[in-house]
C-alpha atoms as a PDB file:
ATOM      1  CA  MET A   1       9.740 -17.370  -3.378  1.00  0.00           C
ATOM      2  CA  TYR A   2       7.485 -17.404  -6.414  1.00  0.00           C
ATOM      3  CA  ILE A   3       7.073 -14.392  -8.678  1.00  0.00           C
ATOM      4  CA  TYR A   4       4.538 -13.370 -11.275  1.00  0.00           C
ATOM      5  CA  SER A   5       5.843 -10.675 -13.631  1.00  0.00           C
ATOM      6  CA  ASP A   6       3.221  -8.520 -15.319  1.00  0.00           C
ATOM      7  CA  TYR A   7       6.002  -7.201 -17.567  1.00  0.00           C
ATOM      8  CA  HIS A   8       6.731 -10.679 -18.977  1.00  0.00           C
ATOM      9  CA  ASP A   9       3.346 -12.269 -18.179  1.00  0.00           C
ATOM     10  CA  GLU A  10       5.310 -15.210 -16.771  1.00  0.00           C
ATOM     11  CA  PHE A  11       6.004 -17.018 -13.494  1.00  0.00           C
ATOM     12  CA  PHE A  12       9.468 -17.290 -11.947  1.00  0.00           C
ATOM     13  CA  THR A  13      11.146 -18.597  -8.800  1.00  0.00           C
ATOM     14  CA  PHE A  14      13.725 -16.697  -6.772  1.00  0.00           C
ATOM     15  CA  GLU A  15      15.796 -17.753  -3.780  1.00  0.00           C
ATOM     16  CA  GLY A  16      14.548 -16.077  -0.602  1.00  0.00           C
ATOM     17  CA  TYR A  17      11.288 -14.933   0.974  1.00  0.00           C
ATOM     18  CA  ALA A  18       8.888 -12.200  -0.100  1.00  0.00           C
ATOM     19  CA  ARG A  19       8.563 -10.928   3.501  1.00  0.00           C
ATOM     20  CA  ASN A  20      12.320 -10.341   3.672  1.00  0.00           C
ATOM     21  CA  VAL A  21      12.456  -8.718   0.240  1.00  0.00           C
ATOM     22  CA  VAL A  22       9.703  -6.210   1.100  1.00  0.00           C
ATOM     23  CA  ASN A  23      11.514  -5.071   4.248  1.00  0.00           C
ATOM     24  CA  ASN A  24      14.948  -4.742   2.639  1.00  0.00           C
ATOM     25  CA  PRO A  25      15.306  -2.047  -0.063  1.00  0.00           C
ATOM     26  CA  ILE A  26      18.555  -3.568  -1.380  1.00  0.00           C
ATOM     27  CA  LEU A  27      16.992  -7.018  -1.822  1.00  0.00           C
ATOM     28  CA  LEU A  28      13.889  -5.450  -3.345  1.00  0.00           C
ATOM     29  CA  ARG A  29      15.951  -3.603  -5.952  1.00  0.00           C
ATOM     30  CA  LYS A  30      17.925  -6.799  -6.671  1.00  0.00           C
ATOM     31  CA  VAL A  31      14.704  -8.752  -7.353  1.00  0.00           C
ATOM     32  CA  VAL A  32      13.229  -5.983  -9.509  1.00  0.00           C
ATOM     33  CA  GLU A  33      16.405  -5.562 -11.543  1.00  0.00           C
ATOM     34  CA  LYS A  34      16.562  -9.309 -12.189  1.00  0.00           C
ATOM     35  CA  TYR A  35      13.180  -9.201 -13.944  1.00  0.00           C
ATOM     36  CA  MET A  36      13.070  -5.672 -15.369  1.00  0.00           C
ATOM     37  CA  PRO A  37      15.424  -3.832 -17.732  1.00  0.00           C
ATOM     38  CA  VAL A  38      17.721  -1.984 -15.301  1.00  0.00           C
ATOM     39  CA  GLU A  39      18.099   1.071 -17.538  1.00  0.00           C
ATOM     40  CA  LYS A  40      14.311   1.587 -17.568  1.00  0.00           C
ATOM     41  CA  VAL A  41      13.652   1.315 -13.790  1.00  0.00           C
ATOM     42  CA  VAL A  42      12.790   4.764 -12.417  1.00  0.00           C
ATOM     43  CA  ASP A  43      11.142   3.948  -9.065  1.00  0.00           C
ATOM     44  CA  ILE A  44       9.905   1.000  -6.976  1.00  0.00           C
ATOM     45  CA  HIS A  45       6.874   0.963  -4.649  1.00  0.00           C
ATOM     46  CA  VAL A  46       5.254  -1.635  -2.403  1.00  0.00           C
ATOM     47  CA  GLY A  47       1.537  -2.166  -3.010  1.00  0.00           C
ATOM     48  CA  VAL A  48      -0.967  -4.481  -1.343  1.00  0.00           C
ATOM     49  CA  GLU A  49       0.187  -7.198   1.060  1.00  0.00           C
ATOM     50  CA  ILE A  50      -2.144 -10.144   1.707  1.00  0.00           C
ATOM     51  CA  GLU A  51      -2.119 -13.537   3.337  1.00  0.00           C
ATOM     52  CA  ILE A  52      -4.474 -16.133   1.920  1.00  0.00           C
ATOM     53  CA  GLU A  53      -4.584 -19.827   2.824  1.00  0.00           C
ATOM     54  CA  GLY A  54      -1.086 -19.692   4.311  1.00  0.00           C
ATOM     55  CA  VAL A  55       0.443 -17.908   1.321  1.00  0.00           C
ATOM     56  CA  TYR A  56       1.882 -14.427   1.874  1.00  0.00           C
ATOM     57  CA  ALA A  57       1.830 -12.260  -1.251  1.00  0.00           C
ATOM     58  CA  VAL A  58       2.801  -8.672  -2.003  1.00  0.00           C
ATOM     59  CA  GLU A  59       2.561  -6.601  -5.155  1.00  0.00           C
ATOM     60  CA  ILE A  60       5.589  -4.529  -6.117  1.00  0.00           C
ATOM     61  CA  TRP A  61       4.950  -1.625  -8.502  1.00  0.00           C
ATOM     62  CA  VAL A  62       7.786  -0.654 -10.809  1.00  0.00           C
ATOM     63  CA  VAL A  63       7.778   2.715 -12.542  1.00  0.00           C
ATOM     64  CA  LEU A  64       9.653   2.369 -15.813  1.00  0.00           C
ATOM     65  CA  SER A  65      10.754   5.146 -18.139  1.00  0.00           C
ATOM     66  CA  ASP A  66       8.064   3.970 -20.558  1.00  0.00           C
ATOM     67  CA  GLY A  67       5.234   2.952 -18.198  1.00  0.00           C
ATOM     68  CA  ILE A  68       4.279   1.145 -15.000  1.00  0.00           C
ATOM     69  CA  THR A  69       4.304  -2.598 -14.378  1.00  0.00           C
ATOM     70  CA  SER A  70       4.262  -4.903 -11.372  1.00  0.00           C
ATOM     71  CA  LEU A  71       5.604  -8.065  -9.814  1.00  0.00           C
ATOM     72  CA  VAL A  72       3.634 -10.220  -7.382  1.00  0.00           C
ATOM     73  CA  LEU A  73       5.927 -11.968  -4.896  1.00  0.00           C
ATOM     74  CA  ALA A  74       4.555 -14.969  -2.986  1.00  0.00           C
ATOM     75  CA  ASP A  75       5.884 -17.132  -0.153  1.00  0.00           C
ATOM     76  CA  SER A  76       4.472 -20.643  -0.436  1.00  0.00           C
ATOM     77  CA  PRO A  77       5.780 -23.979   0.854  1.00  0.00           C
ATOM     78  CA  ILE A  78       4.764 -25.616  -2.450  1.00  0.00           C
ATOM     79  CA  PRO A  79       4.773 -24.385  -6.066  1.00  0.00           C
ATOM     80  CA  LEU A  80       1.643 -22.414  -6.945  1.00  0.00           C
ATOM     81  CA  THR A  81      -0.680 -23.570  -9.704  1.00  0.00           C
ATOM     82  CA  PRO A  82      -2.137 -21.095 -12.222  1.00  0.00           C
ATOM     83  CA  LYS A  83      -5.491 -21.386 -10.396  1.00  0.00           C
ATOM     84  CA  GLN A  84      -3.860 -20.486  -7.056  1.00  0.00           C
ATOM     85  CA  TRP A  85      -2.097 -17.530  -8.712  1.00  0.00           C
ATOM     86  CA  GLN A  86      -5.444 -16.351 -10.047  1.00  0.00           C
ATOM     87  CA  VAL A  87      -6.949 -16.489  -6.532  1.00  0.00           C
ATOM     88  CA  ILE A  88      -4.003 -14.468  -5.167  1.00  0.00           C
ATOM     89  CA  ILE A  89      -4.172 -11.863  -7.933  1.00  0.00           C
ATOM     90  CA  ASN A  90      -7.961 -11.533  -7.553  1.00  0.00           C
ATOM     91  CA  LYS A  91      -7.543 -10.997  -3.790  1.00  0.00           C
ATOM     92  CA  VAL A  92      -4.858  -8.349  -4.402  1.00  0.00           C
ATOM     93  CA  ASP A  93      -7.112  -6.561  -6.915  1.00  0.00           C
ATOM     94  CA  GLU A  94     -10.000  -6.705  -4.436  1.00  0.00           C
ATOM     95  CA  GLN A  95      -7.861  -4.951  -1.809  1.00  0.00           C
ATOM     96  CA  TYR A  96      -7.162  -2.060  -4.192  1.00  0.00           C
ATOM     97  CA  ARG A  97     -10.887  -1.596  -4.795  1.00  0.00           C
ATOM     98  CA  ARG A  98     -11.817  -2.038  -1.124  1.00  0.00           C
ATOM     99  CA  VAL A  99      -9.199   0.180   0.511  1.00  0.00           C
ATOM    100  CA  ARG A 100      -8.408   3.521  -1.111  1.00  0.00           C
ATOM    101  CA  GLY A 101      -7.887   5.223   2.201  1.00  0.00           C
ATOM    102  CA  LEU A 102      -8.701   5.559   5.879  1.00  0.00           C
ATOM    103  CA  LEU A 103     -11.244   7.906   7.425  1.00  0.00           C
ATOM    104  CA  ILE A 104      -9.943   8.780  10.874  1.00  0.00           C
ATOM    105  CA  GLU A 105     -12.292  10.352  13.426  1.00  0.00           C
ATOM    106  CA  PRO A 106     -10.808  11.192  16.854  1.00  0.00           C
ATOM    107  CA  LYS A 107     -12.569   9.607  19.833  1.00  0.00           C
ATOM    108  CA  PRO A 108     -14.335  12.100  22.147  1.00  0.00           C
ATOM    109  CA  ASN A 109     -11.514  12.082  24.710  1.00  0.00           C
ATOM    110  CA  VAL A 110      -8.786  12.742  22.087  1.00  0.00           C
ATOM    111  CA  SER A 111      -8.192  16.155  20.566  1.00  0.00           C
ATOM    112  CA  PHE A 112      -7.650  16.548  16.842  1.00  0.00           C
ATOM    113  CA  LYS A 113      -4.350  18.291  17.532  1.00  0.00           C
ATOM    114  CA  ASP A 114      -3.055  15.396  19.682  1.00  0.00           C
ATOM    115  CA  LEU A 115      -4.090  12.928  17.004  1.00  0.00           C
ATOM    116  CA  MET A 116      -2.211  14.933  14.356  1.00  0.00           C
ATOM    117  CA  VAL A 117       0.924  15.071  16.521  1.00  0.00           C
ATOM    118  CA  ASP A 118       0.820  11.286  17.076  1.00  0.00           C
ATOM    119  CA  LEU A 119       0.243  10.671  13.381  1.00  0.00           C
ATOM    120  CA  GLU A 120       3.072  12.990  12.306  1.00  0.00           C
ATOM    121  CA  ASN A 121       5.431  11.341  14.827  1.00  0.00           C
ATOM    122  CA  CYS A 122       4.508   7.883  13.516  1.00  0.00           C
ATOM    123  CA  ILE A 123       4.953   8.911   9.891  1.00  0.00           C
ATOM    124  CA  SER A 124       8.279  10.668  10.559  1.00  0.00           C
ATOM    125  CA  SER A 125       9.567   7.630  12.520  1.00  0.00           C
ATOM    126  CA  LEU A 126       8.964   5.627   9.331  1.00  0.00           C
ATOM    127  CA  GLY A 127      11.058   8.160   7.409  1.00  0.00           C
ATOM    128  CA  LEU A 128       8.119   9.814   5.648  1.00  0.00           C
ATOM    129  CA  LYS A 129       6.267  13.102   5.584  1.00  0.00           C
ATOM    130  CA  LEU A 130       2.529  13.614   5.398  1.00  0.00           C
ATOM    131  CA  LYS A 131       1.694  15.081   2.008  1.00  0.00           C
ATOM    132  CA  PHE A 132      -1.316  17.381   2.349  1.00  0.00           C
ATOM    133  CA  LEU A 133      -3.841  17.021  -0.473  1.00  0.00           C
ATOM    134  CA  ALA A 134      -6.913  19.101   0.346  1.00  0.00           C
ATOM    135  CA  LYS A 135      -9.451  20.217   2.921  1.00  0.00           C
ATOM    136  CA  MET A 136     -13.075  19.482   2.024  1.00  0.00           C
ATOM    137  CA  SER A 137     -16.509  18.723   3.382  1.00  0.00           C
ATOM    138  CA  ARG A 138     -17.049  15.139   4.457  1.00  0.00           C
ATOM    139  CA  ALA A 139     -19.882  14.781   1.941  1.00  0.00           C
ATOM    140  CA  PHE A 140     -17.437  15.451  -0.911  1.00  0.00           C
ATOM    141  CA  LEU A 141     -14.809  12.932   0.281  1.00  0.00           C
ATOM    142  CA  SER A 142     -15.899   9.802  -1.594  1.00  0.00           C
ATOM    143  CA  ARG A 143     -16.419  11.732  -4.819  1.00  0.00           C
ATOM    144  CA  SER A 144     -13.034  13.425  -4.513  1.00  0.00           C
ATOM    145  CA  LEU A 145     -11.232  10.073  -4.113  1.00  0.00           C
ATOM    146  CA  ASN A 146     -12.128   9.385  -7.726  1.00  0.00           C
ATOM    147  CA  LEU A 147     -10.688  12.750  -8.765  1.00  0.00           C
ATOM    148  CA  ILE A 148      -7.389  12.388  -6.911  1.00  0.00           C
ATOM    149  CA  GLY A 149      -6.064   9.729  -9.286  1.00  0.00           C
ATOM    150  CA  LEU A 150      -4.366   7.611  -6.652  1.00  0.00           C
ATOM    151  CA  ARG A 151      -1.446   5.479  -7.680  1.00  0.00           C
ATOM    152  CA  PRO A 152      -1.925   1.886  -6.454  1.00  0.00           C
ATOM    153  CA  TRP A 153       0.947   2.188  -3.983  1.00  0.00           C
ATOM    154  CA  ASN A 154      -0.613   5.155  -2.137  1.00  0.00           C
ATOM    155  CA  ILE A 155      -3.633   5.611   0.117  1.00  0.00           C
ATOM    156  CA  VAL A 156      -5.460   8.666   1.422  1.00  0.00           C
ATOM    157  CA  LEU A 157      -5.637   9.460   5.125  1.00  0.00           C
ATOM    158  CA  ALA A 158      -8.755  11.519   5.753  1.00  0.00           C
ATOM    159  CA  LEU A 159      -8.777  13.185   9.170  1.00  0.00           C
ATOM    160  CA  SER A 160     -12.269  14.276  10.131  1.00  0.00           C
ATOM    161  CA  ARG A 161     -13.133  17.229  12.356  1.00  0.00           C
ATOM    162  CA  ASP A 162     -16.607  18.823  12.533  1.00  0.00           C
ATOM    163  CA  HIS A 163     -17.773  17.633   9.081  1.00  0.00           C
ATOM    164  CA  ILE A 164     -14.531  18.917   7.535  1.00  0.00           C
ATOM    165  CA  VAL A 165     -11.931  16.446   6.298  1.00  0.00           C
ATOM    166  CA  GLU A 166      -8.222  17.082   5.804  1.00  0.00           C
ATOM    167  CA  THR A 167      -6.727  14.609   3.336  1.00  0.00           C
ATOM    168  CA  TYR A 168      -3.130  13.415   3.204  1.00  0.00           C
ATOM    169  CA  LEU A 169      -1.260  10.962   1.002  1.00  0.00           C
ATOM    170  CA  ILE A 170       0.924   8.150   2.378  1.00  0.00           C
ATOM    171  CA  PRO A 171       2.397   4.915   0.986  1.00  0.00           C
ATOM    172  CA  ARG A 172       0.003   1.957   1.198  1.00  0.00           C
ATOM    173  CA  LYS A 173       2.629  -0.217   2.884  1.00  0.00           C
ATOM    174  CA  PHE A 174       2.246   1.862   6.084  1.00  0.00           C
ATOM    175  CA  LEU A 175      -1.522   1.316   6.330  1.00  0.00           C
ATOM    176  CA  LYS A 176      -1.171  -1.284   9.118  1.00  0.00           C
ATOM    177  CA  ASP A 177       1.274   0.884  11.085  1.00  0.00           C
ATOM    178  CA  VAL A 178      -1.134   3.831  11.067  1.00  0.00           C
ATOM    179  CA  GLU A 179      -4.075   1.601  12.024  1.00  0.00           C
ATOM    180  CA  LYS A 180      -2.126   0.089  14.920  1.00  0.00           C
ATOM    181  CA  LEU A 181      -1.044   3.519  16.201  1.00  0.00           C
ATOM    182  CA  LEU A 182      -4.497   5.087  16.095  1.00  0.00           C
ATOM    183  CA  LYS A 183      -6.823   2.177  16.975  1.00  0.00           C
ATOM    184  CA  ASP A 184      -7.258   3.337  20.608  1.00  0.00           C
ATOM    185  CA  LYS A 185      -7.430   7.051  19.775  1.00  0.00           C
ATOM    186  CA  ALA A 186      -9.765   7.178  16.797  1.00  0.00           C
ATOM    187  CA  LYS A 187     -12.556   5.472  14.938  1.00  0.00           C
ATOM    188  CA  ILE A 188     -11.027   4.151  11.706  1.00  0.00           C
ATOM    189  CA  THR A 189     -13.108   3.354   8.635  1.00  0.00           C
ATOM    190  CA  TYR A 190     -11.930   2.097   5.251  1.00  0.00           C
ATOM    191  CA  ILE A 191     -12.938   4.370   2.388  1.00  0.00           C
END
């Protein structure tokens, strides 16, 4: 596995695979603590995951007592050149700009209440809770996303019902799980 540390502005190698590290909290902490001062690490979050030209990459956000930094972990069969790293980092940055949340509109045959129950069950099965942000008109949604001040490891779920939107906050790493669960029950749009 190859690692770019924003904290050091350097590249490193580490035994193992980024996919395994992301899915194992103990391994994730071990990797972070190898490249960050242990006494300063407050929290760890998974950001954007991408696959580009056969290289899987994921950004790990580390909240330190004196700021926030990140590591980009990449699985590649060959060492990555600085140009390849730049392509990966640009693609990761593009994902943050492109996807700040999901607008979820129930299909005509699905009730809003049923959709909420399914969503809450999915989120709780992942060990999370939906964090309610606000209820607003749909017209105000895109403007309010700028006001929310999202951390890069979170996204907004906006559930639409009759031109009113209820917004919730969830970790970005569960974006694909939510999409998979709701794809047959709702129209999903990136916001």
